[in-house]
Protein backbone atom coordinates (compact mmCIF):
# COMPACT_ATOMS: atom_id res chain seq x y z
CA MET A 1 -0.07 -0.10 -0.03
CA ALA A 2 1.56 3.27 -1.01
CA PHE A 3 1.12 6.66 0.65
CA ALA A 4 1.13 10.00 -1.01
CA GLU A 5 3.68 12.56 0.38
CA PRO A 6 2.19 15.90 0.98
CA ALA A 7 3.36 18.72 -1.39
CA SER A 8 5.24 21.60 0.13
CA ASP A 9 5.14 25.15 -1.13
CA GLU A 10 9.04 24.83 -1.24
CA ASP A 11 8.93 21.58 -3.01
CA PRO A 12 10.99 21.98 -6.17
CA GLU A 13 9.04 19.31 -8.09
CA ASP A 14 5.62 21.15 -7.48
CA PHE A 15 5.10 22.68 -10.84
CA SER A 16 1.53 23.70 -9.99
CA GLY A 17 2.39 26.67 -7.86
CA ARG A 18 3.21 30.14 -9.25
CA ILE A 19 6.78 31.51 -9.12
CA PRO A 20 6.77 34.42 -6.46
CA ILE A 21 7.29 37.87 -7.84
CA ARG A 22 9.63 40.13 -5.91
CA LEU A 23 8.53 43.88 -6.09
CA PRO A 24 11.37 46.23 -6.48
CA ARG A 25 12.05 48.35 -3.38
CA LYS A 26 11.52 52.08 -3.63
CA ARG A 27 14.67 53.92 -3.81
CA ARG A 28 15.11 56.90 -1.58
CA LYS A 29 15.57 60.18 -3.31
CA PRO A 30 18.76 61.70 -2.54
CA ARG A 31 18.88 64.83 -0.45
CA LEU A 32 20.31 66.73 -3.17
CA HIS A 33 17.15 66.22 -5.38
CA ARG A 34 15.08 67.52 -2.42
CA ARG A 35 17.05 70.62 -2.24
CA ARG A 36 16.79 71.35 -5.94
CA ARG A 37 13.04 70.94 -5.74
CA PHE A 38 12.89 73.45 -2.85
CA VAL A 39 14.86 75.87 -4.79
CA HIS A 40 12.50 75.46 -7.84
CA VAL A 41 9.43 76.13 -5.66
CA LEU A 42 11.08 79.17 -4.18
CA CYS A 43 11.99 80.58 -7.60
CA ASP A 44 8.36 79.96 -8.80
CA TRP A 45 6.66 81.54 -5.76
CA TRP A 46 9.08 84.37 -4.64
CA ILE A 47 6.74 87.17 -5.80
CA VAL A 48 3.90 85.81 -3.72
CA LEU A 49 5.99 85.60 -0.66
CA VAL A 50 7.35 89.00 -1.05
CA ILE A 51 3.66 90.29 -1.45
CA LEU A 52 2.58 88.42 1.72
CA PHE A 53 5.43 89.94 3.72
CA ALA A 54 4.68 93.39 2.53
CA ALA A 55 1.02 93.00 3.38
CA ALA A 56 1.90 91.84 6.90
CA LEU A 57 4.36 94.76 7.38
CA PHE A 58 1.58 97.22 6.16
CA VAL A 59 -0.98 95.71 8.65
CA TYR A 60 1.61 96.15 11.53
CA GLU A 61 2.26 99.75 10.60
CA VAL A 62 -1.47 100.39 10.51
CA PHE A 63 -1.91 99.14 14.08
CA LYS A 64 1.14 101.10 15.20
CA LEU A 65 -0.06 104.34 13.85
CA GLY A 66 -3.41 103.70 15.49
CA GLY A 67 -1.70 103.29 18.87
CA LEU A 68 -2.25 99.57 18.79
CA ASP A 69 1.31 98.24 18.33
CA PRO A 70 0.78 94.47 18.43
CA LEU A 71 4.34 93.80 19.56
CA ARG A 72 4.29 96.21 22.53
CA PRO A 73 3.84 94.73 25.87
CA ARG A 74 0.43 95.51 27.20
CA THR A 75 -0.84 96.16 30.74
CA PRO A 76 -3.14 93.19 31.33
CA VAL A 77 -6.88 93.79 31.87
CA ILE A 78 -7.37 93.53 35.64
CA LYS A 79 -10.76 92.16 36.60
CA LYS A 80 -10.23 92.26 40.37
CA VAL A 81 -12.50 94.15 42.73
CA ILE A 82 -10.86 95.98 45.62
CA ASP A 83 -13.22 97.82 48.02
CA GLY A 84 -15.93 97.70 45.47
CA ALA A 85 -13.84 99.26 42.70
CA ASP A 86 -13.63 97.53 39.37
CA LEU A 87 -10.18 98.30 38.04
CA ARG A 88 -10.86 97.46 34.34
CA GLY A 89 -9.44 100.15 32.04
CA LYS A 90 -6.55 101.30 34.16
CA GLY A 91 -4.36 100.23 31.41
CA ASN A 92 -5.48 103.25 29.37
CA LEU A 93 -4.37 105.80 32.15
CA ASP A 94 -1.99 108.51 30.90
CA ARG A 95 -2.00 107.30 27.30
CA ILE A 96 -1.27 110.31 25.01
CA GLU A 97 -0.63 108.88 21.55
CA PRO A 98 -2.96 110.41 18.94
CA MET A 99 -5.77 108.31 17.28
CA THR A 100 -5.73 108.10 13.61
CA ARG A 101 -8.18 106.95 10.86
CA VAL A 102 -8.05 106.37 7.03
CA VAL A 103 -10.05 108.86 4.95
CA ARG A 104 -10.14 108.16 1.19
CA GLY A 105 -7.05 106.12 1.39
CA VAL A 106 -5.03 108.54 3.50
CA ARG A 107 -4.28 108.12 7.17
CA GLU A 108 -4.95 111.27 9.18
CA PRO A 109 -5.33 112.21 12.82
CA CYS A 110 -8.85 111.99 14.40
CA LEU A 111 -8.45 115.34 16.01
CA LYS A 112 -6.50 117.98 13.99
CA LEU A 113 -5.03 120.26 16.65
CA LEU A 114 -2.90 123.39 16.00
CA PRO A 115 0.84 123.04 16.93
CA SER A 116 1.48 123.82 20.65
CA GLU A 117 3.42 127.01 19.69
CA GLN A 118 0.34 128.24 17.85
CA LEU A 119 -1.85 127.39 20.75
CA GLU A 120 0.35 129.29 23.13
CA LEU A 121 -0.51 132.44 21.10
CA LEU A 122 -4.20 131.72 20.42
CA ASP A 123 -6.67 134.56 20.94
CA ILE A 124 -10.03 133.85 22.30
CA PRO A 125 -12.76 135.07 19.72
CA ARG A 126 -15.38 137.37 21.37
CA ASP A 127 -18.73 138.30 20.01
CA THR A 128 -20.25 141.76 20.69
CA GLU A 129 -23.77 140.49 20.67
CA PRO A 130 -25.53 137.04 20.71
CA VAL A 131 -25.74 135.13 17.34
CA GLY A 132 -29.00 133.48 16.54
CA PRO A 133 -32.69 134.23 16.91
CA VAL A 134 -32.65 134.15 20.71
CA LYS A 135 -31.12 137.33 22.09
CA VAL A 136 -32.10 137.22 25.84
CA LEU A 137 -32.81 134.11 27.84
CA ASN A 138 -34.17 134.43 31.34
CA TYR A 139 -34.87 131.62 33.86
CA LEU A 140 -37.95 130.97 35.89
CA THR A 141 -37.36 131.35 39.68
CA ARG A 142 -39.62 131.86 42.68
CA THR A 143 -39.10 133.85 45.85
CA VAL A 144 -38.78 132.06 49.12
CA SER A 145 -41.88 132.11 51.14
CA ASP A 146 -42.68 131.20 54.75
CA GLY A 147 -41.98 127.54 55.48
CA ASP A 148 -39.56 127.15 52.60
CA ASP A 149 -36.42 128.07 54.48
CA LYS A 150 -35.05 124.51 54.62
CA PHE A 151 -34.12 122.06 51.94
CA ASN A 152 -35.98 118.70 52.22
CA LEU A 153 -35.01 115.81 49.83
CA SER A 154 -38.25 113.91 50.80
CA GLN A 155 -40.51 116.58 49.79
CA PRO A 156 -43.18 115.20 47.29
CA SER A 157 -42.98 116.17 43.69
CA LEU A 158 -45.68 117.25 41.29
CA GLU A 159 -47.87 114.46 39.99
CA ASP A 160 -45.38 111.82 41.18
CA THR A 161 -42.66 113.06 38.83
CA ARG A 162 -39.21 114.04 39.55
CA PHE A 163 -39.91 117.82 39.33
CA ASN A 164 -39.27 119.58 42.58
CA LEU A 165 -38.14 122.91 44.07
CA PHE A 166 -34.91 122.67 42.18
CA THR A 167 -36.35 122.10 38.69
CA GLY A 168 -39.68 123.95 39.15
CA PHE A 169 -42.91 122.30 38.16
CA GLN A 170 -43.19 122.40 34.34
CA THR A 171 -46.46 121.42 32.82
CA LEU A 172 -47.06 119.82 29.42
CA GLU A 173 -48.29 123.16 28.17
CA GLN A 174 -45.31 125.07 29.47
CA ARG A 175 -43.08 122.39 27.88
CA LYS A 176 -44.73 123.03 24.47
CA GLN A 177 -44.26 126.80 24.76
CA SER A 178 -40.65 126.42 25.71
CA PHE A 179 -39.84 125.11 22.17
CA GLN A 180 -41.28 128.06 20.46
CA PHE A 181 -38.25 130.12 20.46
CA MET A 182 -38.34 133.98 20.24
CA GLU A 183 -36.01 136.79 20.63
CA LYS A 184 -36.60 137.02 24.41
CA MET A 185 -37.47 133.92 26.35
CA GLU A 186 -38.16 132.70 29.92
CA VAL A 187 -37.77 128.94 30.64
CA PRO A 188 -37.27 126.69 33.67
CA CYS A 189 -33.60 125.74 33.89
CA GLY A 190 -32.99 124.37 37.44
CA PHE A 191 -32.22 126.43 40.53
CA PHE A 192 -36.03 127.36 40.64
CA SER A 193 -35.93 127.97 44.37
CA GLU A 194 -33.16 128.94 46.82
CA THR A 195 -34.36 125.99 48.99
CA GLY A 196 -34.22 123.51 46.05
CA GLY A 197 -30.80 122.17 46.83
CA PHE A 198 -27.43 121.99 45.10
CA ARG A 199 -25.90 124.24 47.67
CA ILE A 200 -22.35 125.64 47.08
CA SER A 201 -20.19 127.57 49.60
CA ASP A 202 -19.51 131.29 49.22
CA GLU A 203 -15.96 130.74 48.78
CA ASP A 204 -16.52 128.29 45.85
CA THR A 205 -19.10 130.56 44.30
CA LYS A 206 -16.70 133.49 44.15
CA PHE A 207 -14.00 131.19 42.49
CA MET A 208 -16.60 130.05 39.88
CA GLN A 209 -17.31 133.72 38.95
CA THR A 210 -13.73 134.19 38.04
CA CYS A 211 -13.68 131.50 35.28
CA LYS A 212 -13.95 132.49 31.58
CA LEU A 213 -12.81 129.16 30.03
CA LEU A 214 -13.82 125.81 31.62
CA VAL A 215 -13.24 122.08 31.75
CA LEU A 216 -15.58 120.33 34.23
CA THR A 217 -16.55 116.99 35.50
CA CYS A 218 -18.31 115.63 38.55
CA THR A 219 -18.79 112.43 40.60
CA PHE A 220 -21.64 112.06 43.07
CA GLY A 221 -22.04 108.95 45.05
CA GLY A 222 -18.30 107.86 45.03
CA GLY A 223 -18.55 106.14 41.73
CA ASP A 224 -15.27 107.12 40.10
CA ASP A 225 -11.74 108.31 40.94
CA LEU A 226 -10.57 111.65 39.67
CA TYR A 227 -8.13 111.45 36.74
CA GLN A 228 -5.58 114.20 36.20
CA PRO A 229 -5.86 115.91 32.79
CA ILE A 230 -2.84 115.59 30.47
CA GLY A 231 -1.71 117.07 27.22
CA MET A 232 -2.29 120.71 28.03
CA THR A 233 -0.05 123.67 27.03
CA LYS A 234 1.01 126.27 29.50
CA ALA A 235 -1.34 128.72 28.18
CA SER A 236 -4.29 126.43 28.95
CA LEU A 237 -3.21 125.78 32.46
CA ASP A 238 -2.98 129.71 32.86
CA LYS A 239 -6.41 130.44 31.22
CA VAL A 240 -8.67 127.56 31.73
CA CYS A 241 -10.43 126.54 35.02
CA TYR A 242 -10.49 122.69 35.74
CA VAL A 243 -13.42 122.04 38.08
CA ALA A 244 -14.57 118.80 39.59
CA PHE A 245 -17.90 118.69 41.51
CA TRP A 246 -18.08 116.25 44.53
CA ASP A 247 -20.46 115.44 47.10
CA GLU A 248 -19.38 114.30 50.62
CA ILE A 249 -19.74 110.71 49.74
CA THR A 250 -17.27 111.10 46.99
CA LEU A 251 -14.91 113.06 49.21
CA ALA A 252 -14.91 110.27 51.73
CA ALA A 253 -14.40 107.61 49.04
CA GLN A 254 -11.44 109.51 47.40
CA GLU A 255 -9.79 110.01 50.79
CA SER A 256 -10.10 106.28 51.42
CA VAL A 257 -7.85 105.66 48.34
CA GLY A 258 -5.38 108.33 49.15
CA ILE A 259 -6.65 111.18 47.08
CA LYS A 260 -6.88 114.20 49.35
CA VAL A 261 -8.00 117.80 48.66
CA ASP A 262 -5.34 120.38 49.64
CA LYS A 263 -5.96 123.53 51.70
CA ASN A 264 -6.54 125.58 48.56
CA HIS A 265 -9.29 123.02 47.47
CA PHE A 266 -7.11 121.48 44.69
CA VAL A 267 -6.33 117.88 43.74
CA GLY A 268 -3.69 118.25 41.15
CA ASN A 269 -4.95 120.58 38.44
CA TRP A 270 -8.57 120.03 39.46
CA ARG A 271 -10.37 122.64 41.69
CA VAL A 272 -12.65 120.56 43.77
CA ILE A 273 -16.09 121.98 44.68
CA ILE A 274 -18.10 120.13 47.36
CA VAL A 275 -21.89 120.21 46.79
CA LYS A 276 -24.41 119.82 49.65
CA ASP A 277 -28.11 119.14 49.55
CA LEU A 278 -28.23 117.39 46.23
CA PRO A 279 -31.87 117.74 44.94
CA PHE A 280 -32.45 114.14 43.46
CA LYS A 281 -32.34 110.76 45.11
CA ASP A 282 -31.03 109.41 41.77
CA GLN A 283 -27.43 110.31 41.48
CA ARG A 284 -27.61 110.25 37.67
CA LEU A 285 -29.97 113.13 37.75
CA ASN A 286 -27.62 115.08 40.15
CA GLY A 287 -24.77 114.51 37.78
CA LYS A 288 -26.77 116.15 34.95
CA ILE A 289 -26.75 119.51 36.73
CA PRO A 290 -23.07 120.37 36.19
CA LYS A 291 -23.16 118.51 32.89
CA MET A 292 -26.07 120.52 31.27
CA LEU A 293 -26.29 123.59 33.32
CA PRO A 294 -22.73 125.02 33.62
CA HIS A 295 -24.10 128.35 32.33
CA ARG A 296 -26.25 128.48 35.63
CA LEU A 297 -23.19 127.75 37.71
CA PHE A 298 -20.48 129.73 35.88
CA PRO A 299 -22.15 133.01 34.93
CA ASN A 300 -19.00 134.48 33.19
CA VAL A 301 -17.87 131.37 31.31
CA ILE A 302 -17.65 131.81 27.56
CA TYR A 303 -16.53 128.28 26.42
CA SER A 304 -16.85 124.85 28.32
CA ILE A 305 -15.97 121.29 27.83
CA TRP A 306 -17.78 118.58 29.90
CA VAL A 307 -15.94 115.34 30.50
CA ASP A 308 -17.66 112.30 32.12
CA SER A 309 -16.07 111.04 35.30
CA LYS A 310 -15.14 107.75 33.65
CA SER A 311 -12.73 109.31 31.40
CA GLN A 312 -9.27 110.99 31.62
CA PHE A 313 -9.18 114.23 29.67
CA ARG A 314 -5.92 114.10 27.55
CA ARG A 315 -5.98 117.09 25.04
CA ASP A 316 -5.42 120.81 25.15
CA PRO A 317 -8.75 122.59 25.70
CA LEU A 318 -7.73 125.66 23.70
CA GLY A 319 -6.93 123.30 20.86
CA ILE A 320 -10.31 121.58 21.19
CA TYR A 321 -12.20 124.90 21.09
CA GLU A 322 -10.36 125.94 17.95
CA ALA A 323 -10.68 122.60 16.20
CA LEU A 324 -14.35 121.89 16.96
CA LEU A 325 -15.89 125.28 17.34
CA TRP A 326 -13.90 128.33 16.08
CA ARG A 327 -12.48 126.65 12.88
CA SER A 328 -15.88 125.49 11.68
CA ASN A 329 -17.97 128.26 13.19
CA HIS A 330 -20.01 126.00 15.43
CA GLU A 331 -21.54 126.74 18.84
CA LEU A 332 -21.82 123.15 20.18
CA ALA A 333 -20.01 119.94 19.47
CA ILE A 334 -20.95 116.48 20.59
CA SER A 335 -20.02 112.87 19.39
CA GLU A 336 -22.07 110.85 17.15
CA HIS A 337 -23.31 107.53 18.82
CA GLY A 338 -20.93 104.60 17.97
CA ALA A 339 -23.60 101.87 17.64
CA ARG A 340 -26.88 103.21 16.67
CA SER A 341 -28.44 106.33 14.87
CA SER A 342 -32.21 106.30 15.72
CA VAL A 343 -33.73 107.25 19.04
CA TYR A 344 -36.22 104.46 18.59
CA ASP A 345 -33.47 101.89 18.23
CA GLU A 346 -31.83 103.37 21.32
CA ALA A 347 -35.04 103.10 23.33
CA LYS A 348 -35.05 99.25 22.61
CA ALA A 349 -31.33 99.11 23.55
CA VAL A 350 -31.92 101.06 26.91
CA VAL A 351 -34.59 98.61 27.95
CA LYS A 352 -32.64 95.59 26.92
CA LYS A 353 -29.66 96.68 28.98
CA ASN A 354 -31.79 97.56 31.91
CA LYS A 355 -30.71 101.23 31.84
CA ALA A 356 -34.38 102.31 32.52
CA THR A 357 -37.56 100.55 32.96
CA PRO A 358 -39.79 99.63 30.08
CA GLU A 359 -42.64 101.63 31.40
CA GLU A 360 -40.78 105.08 31.53
CA VAL A 361 -39.17 104.43 28.23
CA ASP A 362 -42.55 103.74 26.66
CA ILE A 363 -44.02 107.06 28.12
CA GLN A 364 -41.09 108.99 26.57
CA ILE A 365 -41.26 107.35 23.13
CA ALA A 366 -45.03 107.63 23.12
CA GLN A 367 -44.83 111.30 23.67
CA TYR A 368 -42.15 111.74 21.02
CA HIS A 369 -44.39 109.91 18.57
CA LEU A 370 -47.24 112.16 19.53
CA ASP A 371 -45.14 115.18 18.94
CA GLY A 372 -44.20 113.95 15.54
CA LEU A 373 -40.50 113.09 15.98
CA PRO A 374 -39.54 111.34 12.65
CA GLU A 375 -37.74 108.01 12.51
CA ASP A 376 -34.91 109.57 10.59
CA LYS A 377 -31.48 108.22 11.46
CA ARG A 378 -29.76 111.36 10.27
CA PHE A 379 -30.22 115.10 10.66
CA ASP A 380 -28.36 117.28 8.30
CA GLY A 381 -26.16 114.33 7.07
CA LYS A 382 -25.16 113.42 10.62
CA LYS A 383 -26.31 110.68 12.95
CA ALA A 384 -29.37 111.74 14.84
CA LEU A 385 -28.16 109.95 18.03
CA SER A 386 -25.33 111.25 20.18
CA GLU A 387 -22.93 109.96 22.76
CA ALA A 388 -22.76 112.70 25.33
CA SER A 389 -19.58 111.82 27.44
CA ILE A 390 -17.94 114.99 26.01
CA ILE A 391 -19.83 118.25 25.23
CA VAL A 392 -17.91 121.15 23.87
CA ARG A 393 -19.78 124.43 23.59
CA LYS A 394 -20.03 128.19 23.55
CA HIS A 395 -22.30 129.74 26.11
CA THR A 396 -24.81 131.69 24.18
CA PRO A 397 -28.55 132.29 24.69
CA SER A 398 -29.25 129.68 21.96
CA THR A 399 -26.96 127.00 23.29
CA ASN A 400 -28.08 127.73 26.98
CA LEU A 401 -31.71 127.29 25.82
CA PHE A 402 -30.77 123.99 24.17
CA MET A 403 -29.17 122.67 27.35
CA CYS A 404 -32.08 123.93 29.62
CA LEU A 405 -34.64 122.15 27.43
CA TRP A 406 -32.51 118.97 27.24
CA PHE A 407 -32.25 118.98 31.00
CA ASN A 408 -35.96 119.34 31.45
CA GLU A 409 -36.64 116.44 29.22
CA ILE A 410 -34.34 114.28 31.37
CA VAL A 411 -36.08 115.33 34.46
CA ARG A 412 -39.52 114.60 32.95
CA PHE A 413 -38.81 111.36 31.38
CA THR A 414 -35.59 109.15 31.86
CA ALA A 415 -32.04 109.95 32.91
CA ARG A 416 -30.70 108.51 29.69
CA ASP A 417 -29.63 111.81 27.82
CA GLN A 418 -29.19 109.94 24.50
CA LEU A 419 -33.00 109.42 24.24
CA SER A 420 -33.86 113.09 24.73
CA PHE A 421 -31.01 114.73 22.65
CA PRO A 422 -32.47 113.84 19.13
CA TYR A 423 -35.76 115.17 20.21
CA VAL A 424 -34.51 118.62 21.31
CA HIS A 425 -32.15 118.75 18.33
CA TRP A 426 -35.14 118.22 16.07
CA ARG A 427 -37.34 120.74 17.84
CA LEU A 428 -34.66 123.35 17.80
CA MET A 429 -33.34 122.63 14.33
CA GLY A 430 -31.47 125.67 12.89
CA LEU A 431 -31.29 127.46 16.29
CA THR A 432 -27.93 126.19 17.23
CA LYS A 433 -24.97 125.23 14.95
CA ILE A 434 -24.07 121.70 16.14
CA ASN A 435 -20.83 119.83 15.20
CA MET A 436 -21.70 116.11 15.34
CA PHE A 437 -18.04 114.79 15.29
CA PRO A 438 -17.18 111.18 14.72
CA VAL A 439 -16.43 108.57 17.39
CA CYS A 440 -12.85 108.49 16.51
CA THR A 441 -12.48 112.21 17.54
CA ARG A 442 -14.06 111.51 20.86
CA LYS A 443 -11.80 108.80 21.60
CA ASP A 444 -8.78 110.97 20.81
CA MET A 445 -9.84 113.51 23.50
CA VAL A 446 -10.11 111.09 26.40
CA ASN A 447 -8.76 107.86 27.87
CA SER A 448 -11.77 105.76 28.77
CA MET A 449 -11.51 104.04 32.12
CA GLY A 450 -15.00 102.84 32.79
CA HIS A 451 -16.97 103.24 35.91
CA LEU A 452 -15.14 101.88 38.97
CA ARG A 453 -17.90 101.55 41.51
CA LYS A 454 -21.68 101.74 41.66
CA ALA A 455 -22.61 105.24 42.91
CA LYS A 456 -24.34 105.33 46.34
CA PRO A 457 -27.93 106.64 46.21
CA LEU A 458 -29.12 109.32 48.59
CA THR A 459 -31.48 108.73 51.44
CA THR A 460 -34.23 110.98 52.70
CA LEU A 461 -33.60 112.96 55.83
């Protein structure tokens, strides 16, 4: 019996299997070939690489000219709270480099100031008589009667509004008449009664009467620190009053962080004036008094600049008067709003951000609709909406009327002055020459620090 032997893959006599095929190994390309290929690619694309490098260099220079050097070490944004103070924005303190923008392909400064040597020799223009249809503006006041010899914050207001003995008690009919401007007018404009509040010492009052040119700010309720102005010429330091209004809460808050008023009532270049008997429980309304009624506080001032307390003023005031008022023959200058143009869009934003209650905003907007305020987003080619952290103006009967009526709207409706500015501007169209300058210009005039603390409200006595 025979047995078959199993066939093996390696059996040489097994002719049924296929002969294995050996694939050739890939030969490694020599390094010299790689180098040649790199050189060929570089030669083909060198123009593109040069263009990309030039574009990157251009972008870097644009940021550098705009004060945003991407290679410069930055002060980190601090988000730490010490004694209730939010320190965000401190990195902007004392920055002096100018802001720039591109106009029709050309980079230019946002604020075109005269050279400092010309500012030193600048003469202040003076008018012999008021310009505009309003020649004489008087303010409604009342004499003190028996029983009105003491200020009382808790005194009830008319019809549950914020009108009081400081503002006077304006009716809707009187409001309507105040917008019908004539050569001689009389309107409510704060300081209605001697017992209405906002009391200033005799010494401070005498100082305020000496001022002709003015930069002012205020902090009530201890909300912000006082930032020293920078960028001024010697002529401005000699000619311009720098005045900061505080209440006693702010005085205590500043002393707690080491900022003390000297024996001459100065903190650096700021002359500090302490106000007593503030007329509103809402500190936002108290702050509107020096902001909008400096003509009531400084009877001899010709030109003024208002700066919000959250900002550091960093330009020469004489240069700002010349650039924004004198050069273009304007009487009032204020910034366009950066985000919106319409008062109706702003009303929605105010409610959304909880800056005012929906009810009070609805009342204000309904009144403006009733009065016929259009939904136009531009007046005379400029945005209808303003951002009022800086107000530059000449004190004339026309601009004083504008500010009085603006203040009255804020008292009647909401403390958000952006909502009432377009309405007053529309009602007094043509009365005052207003320079609505771009946001870029506003940012060049100040370093924005942001509010540090929440202002403490007043309590009734």
